[in-house]
């Protein structure tokens, strides 16, 4: 499909997903890198309680809280 047809179809609200090769698609700035962090036992217990209350994993709550803090720091200058 030519770019002009793709753009025109997209602009008309037509579903263009079938025209894309998503096998190599990547989300910008979302590359994963594994890190190890040691936490005190009391902190892990607290994280687990909060994660359980919210129905998410410990890893999820750590990621969300860190992202919130980093965004807050970025917005404060």
N, C-alpha and C. Protein backbone atom coordinates (compact mmCIF):
# COMPACT_ATOMS: atom_id res chain seq x y z
N UNK A 1 0.85 -1.18 0.00
CA UNK A 1 0.00 0.00 0.00
C UNK A 1 0.89 1.24 0.00
N UNK A 2 0.57 2.18 -0.83
CA UNK A 2 1.31 3.44 -0.91
C UNK A 2 0.98 4.31 0.31
N UNK A 3 1.92 5.16 0.68
CA UNK A 3 1.75 6.01 1.85
C UNK A 3 0.54 6.94 1.71
N UNK A 4 0.31 7.46 0.52
CA UNK A 4 -0.83 8.38 0.32
C UNK A 4 -2.15 7.66 0.58
N UNK A 5 -2.28 6.43 0.09
CA UNK A 5 -3.52 5.67 0.32
C UNK A 5 -3.66 5.34 1.80
N UNK A 6 -2.55 4.94 2.42
CA UNK A 6 -2.58 4.64 3.85
C UNK A 6 -3.05 5.86 4.64
N UNK A 7 -2.44 7.01 4.38
CA UNK A 7 -2.82 8.25 5.07
C UNK A 7 -4.28 8.60 4.83
N UNK A 8 -4.73 8.45 3.59
CA UNK A 8 -6.13 8.78 3.26
C UNK A 8 -7.08 7.85 4.00
N UNK A 9 -6.77 6.55 4.01
CA UNK A 9 -7.61 5.59 4.73
C UNK A 9 -7.64 5.91 6.22
N UNK A 10 -6.47 6.22 6.78
CA UNK A 10 -6.39 6.56 8.20
C UNK A 10 -7.21 7.81 8.50
N UNK A 11 -7.07 8.83 7.66
CA UNK A 11 -7.80 10.09 7.86
C UNK A 11 -9.31 9.89 7.79
N UNK A 12 -9.74 8.91 7.01
CA UNK A 12 -11.19 8.62 6.90
C UNK A 12 -11.67 7.73 8.05
N UNK A 13 -10.76 7.35 8.93
CA UNK A 13 -11.15 6.52 10.07
C UNK A 13 -11.20 5.04 9.75
N UNK A 14 -10.68 4.66 8.60
CA UNK A 14 -10.67 3.26 8.20
C UNK A 14 -9.64 2.49 9.03
N UNK A 15 -9.91 1.24 9.33
CA UNK A 15 -8.98 0.40 10.08
C UNK A 15 -7.77 0.07 9.21
N UNK A 16 -6.60 0.54 9.61
CA UNK A 16 -5.38 0.34 8.82
C UNK A 16 -4.43 -0.66 9.47
N UNK A 17 -4.82 -1.27 10.56
CA UNK A 17 -3.96 -2.20 11.30
C UNK A 17 -3.51 -3.35 10.40
N UNK A 18 -4.39 -3.87 9.58
CA UNK A 18 -4.04 -5.01 8.72
C UNK A 18 -2.94 -4.64 7.73
N UNK A 19 -2.75 -3.37 7.47
CA UNK A 19 -1.73 -2.92 6.52
C UNK A 19 -0.35 -2.76 7.17
N UNK A 20 -0.27 -2.94 8.46
CA UNK A 20 0.98 -2.73 9.19
C UNK A 20 1.66 -4.04 9.53
N UNK A 21 2.99 -4.03 9.52
CA UNK A 21 3.77 -5.17 10.00
C UNK A 21 4.15 -4.87 11.44
N UNK A 22 3.41 -5.43 12.38
CA UNK A 22 3.62 -5.15 13.80
C UNK A 22 4.65 -6.07 14.45
N UNK A 23 5.23 -6.98 13.67
CA UNK A 23 6.17 -7.95 14.25
C UNK A 23 7.42 -7.29 14.81
N UNK A 24 7.79 -6.12 14.29
CA UNK A 24 8.98 -5.44 14.77
C UNK A 24 8.65 -4.10 15.44
N UNK A 25 7.39 -3.90 15.75
CA UNK A 25 6.98 -2.64 16.37
C UNK A 25 7.52 -2.54 17.78
N UNK A 26 7.95 -1.34 18.14
CA UNK A 26 8.47 -1.09 19.49
C UNK A 26 7.85 0.19 20.02
N UNK A 27 7.64 0.23 21.31
CA UNK A 27 7.14 1.45 21.95
C UNK A 27 8.33 2.29 22.36
N UNK A 28 8.36 3.55 21.95
CA UNK A 28 9.50 4.41 22.29
C UNK A 28 9.70 4.51 23.80
N UNK A 29 10.93 4.46 24.20
CA UNK A 29 11.34 4.59 25.60
C UNK A 29 10.75 3.52 26.52
N UNK A 30 10.34 2.37 25.94
CA UNK A 30 9.75 1.31 26.74
C UNK A 30 10.60 0.05 26.77
N UNK A 31 11.85 0.13 26.28
CA UNK A 31 12.73 -1.02 26.32
C UNK A 31 12.95 -1.42 27.77
N UNK A 32 12.93 -2.72 28.02
CA UNK A 32 13.07 -3.23 29.37
C UNK A 32 14.53 -3.53 29.68
N UNK A 33 14.92 -3.30 30.91
CA UNK A 33 16.24 -3.69 31.40
C UNK A 33 16.06 -4.19 32.83
N UNK A 34 16.55 -5.37 33.09
CA UNK A 34 16.39 -5.98 34.41
C UNK A 34 17.38 -5.37 35.40
N UNK A 35 16.87 -5.06 36.59
CA UNK A 35 17.72 -4.59 37.69
C UNK A 35 17.35 -5.36 38.95
N UNK A 36 18.28 -5.47 39.84
CA UNK A 36 18.03 -6.12 41.12
C UNK A 36 18.13 -5.07 42.22
N UNK A 37 17.15 -5.08 43.10
CA UNK A 37 17.13 -4.13 44.21
C UNK A 37 16.83 -4.92 45.48
N UNK A 38 17.60 -4.67 46.51
CA UNK A 38 17.36 -5.31 47.80
C UNK A 38 16.54 -4.37 48.67
N UNK A 39 15.43 -4.91 49.23
CA UNK A 39 14.57 -4.14 50.11
C UNK A 39 14.56 -4.79 51.49
N UNK A 40 14.40 -3.99 52.53
CA UNK A 40 14.22 -4.58 53.87
C UNK A 40 12.91 -5.38 53.91
N UNK A 41 12.87 -6.37 54.77
CA UNK A 41 11.71 -7.25 54.88
C UNK A 41 10.44 -6.46 55.18
N UNK A 42 10.51 -5.45 56.06
CA UNK A 42 9.32 -4.67 56.40
C UNK A 42 8.76 -3.97 55.17
N UNK A 43 9.66 -3.52 54.27
CA UNK A 43 9.22 -2.81 53.08
C UNK A 43 8.54 -3.77 52.10
N UNK A 44 9.07 -4.97 51.97
CA UNK A 44 8.46 -5.97 51.09
C UNK A 44 7.08 -6.34 51.61
N UNK A 45 6.96 -6.50 52.92
CA UNK A 45 5.65 -6.83 53.50
C UNK A 45 4.65 -5.72 53.23
N UNK A 46 5.09 -4.48 53.37
CA UNK A 46 4.21 -3.34 53.11
C UNK A 46 3.83 -3.27 51.63
N UNK A 47 4.79 -3.48 50.76
CA UNK A 47 4.51 -3.49 49.32
C UNK A 47 3.51 -4.60 48.97
N UNK A 48 3.70 -5.77 49.55
CA UNK A 48 2.81 -6.90 49.28
C UNK A 48 1.39 -6.63 49.75
N UNK A 49 1.26 -6.00 50.92
CA UNK A 49 -0.08 -5.67 51.42
C UNK A 49 -0.79 -4.70 50.48
N UNK A 50 -0.08 -3.67 50.06
CA UNK A 50 -0.68 -2.67 49.17
C UNK A 50 -0.97 -3.25 47.80
N UNK A 51 -0.07 -4.07 47.28
CA UNK A 51 -0.29 -4.72 45.99
C UNK A 51 -1.51 -5.63 46.06
N UNK A 52 -1.64 -6.37 47.16
CA UNK A 52 -2.79 -7.26 47.33
C UNK A 52 -4.09 -6.45 47.42
N UNK A 53 -4.04 -5.35 48.14
CA UNK A 53 -5.23 -4.50 48.27
C UNK A 53 -5.69 -3.97 46.92
N UNK A 54 -4.72 -3.64 46.06
CA UNK A 54 -5.04 -3.09 44.74
C UNK A 54 -5.24 -4.18 43.68
N UNK A 55 -4.90 -5.42 44.02
CA UNK A 55 -5.07 -6.52 43.07
C UNK A 55 -4.03 -6.52 41.96
N UNK A 56 -2.81 -6.10 42.30
CA UNK A 56 -1.72 -6.08 41.32
C UNK A 56 -0.52 -6.81 41.92
N UNK A 57 0.50 -6.99 41.11
CA UNK A 57 1.71 -7.65 41.60
C UNK A 57 2.61 -6.65 42.31
N UNK A 58 3.54 -7.18 43.08
CA UNK A 58 4.53 -6.33 43.75
C UNK A 58 5.32 -5.53 42.72
N UNK A 59 5.71 -6.20 41.65
CA UNK A 59 6.49 -5.52 40.60
C UNK A 59 5.69 -4.37 39.99
N UNK A 60 4.42 -4.58 39.78
CA UNK A 60 3.58 -3.52 39.19
C UNK A 60 3.50 -2.30 40.09
N UNK A 61 3.30 -2.53 41.37
CA UNK A 61 3.16 -1.39 42.27
C UNK A 61 4.49 -0.63 42.39
N UNK A 62 5.60 -1.35 42.38
CA UNK A 62 6.90 -0.68 42.42
C UNK A 62 7.09 0.18 41.18
N UNK A 63 6.76 -0.37 40.01
CA UNK A 63 6.90 0.39 38.76
C UNK A 63 6.02 1.64 38.74
N UNK A 64 4.77 1.48 39.17
CA UNK A 64 3.84 2.61 39.17
C UNK A 64 4.32 3.69 40.13
N UNK A 65 4.69 3.30 41.34
CA UNK A 65 5.14 4.29 42.32
C UNK A 65 6.41 5.00 41.89
N UNK A 66 7.35 4.25 41.32
CA UNK A 66 8.57 4.89 40.83
C UNK A 66 8.27 5.85 39.67
N UNK A 67 7.40 5.43 38.76
CA UNK A 67 7.05 6.29 37.63
C UNK A 67 6.37 7.57 38.13
N UNK A 68 5.46 7.44 39.11
CA UNK A 68 4.80 8.62 39.66
C UNK A 68 5.81 9.57 40.28
N UNK A 69 6.75 9.03 41.01
CA UNK A 69 7.76 9.87 41.68
C UNK A 69 8.66 10.56 40.66
N UNK A 70 9.06 9.83 39.63
CA UNK A 70 9.92 10.42 38.60
C UNK A 70 9.18 11.52 37.82
N UNK A 71 7.90 11.28 37.52
CA UNK A 71 7.11 12.30 36.84
C UNK A 71 6.94 13.54 37.72
N UNK A 72 6.74 13.31 39.01
CA UNK A 72 6.60 14.42 39.96
C UNK A 72 7.90 15.23 40.01
N UNK A 73 9.02 14.56 40.06
CA UNK A 73 10.32 15.25 40.09
C UNK A 73 10.54 16.03 38.80
N UNK A 74 10.15 15.45 37.67
CA UNK A 74 10.34 16.12 36.38
C UNK A 74 9.47 17.37 36.27
N UNK A 75 8.26 17.30 36.81
CA UNK A 75 7.36 18.46 36.72
C UNK A 75 7.74 19.57 37.70
N UNK A 76 8.47 19.22 38.76
CA UNK A 76 8.92 20.22 39.72
C UNK A 76 10.20 20.91 39.29
N UNK A 77 10.79 20.44 38.22
CA UNK A 77 11.98 21.07 37.67
C UNK A 77 13.20 20.51 38.26
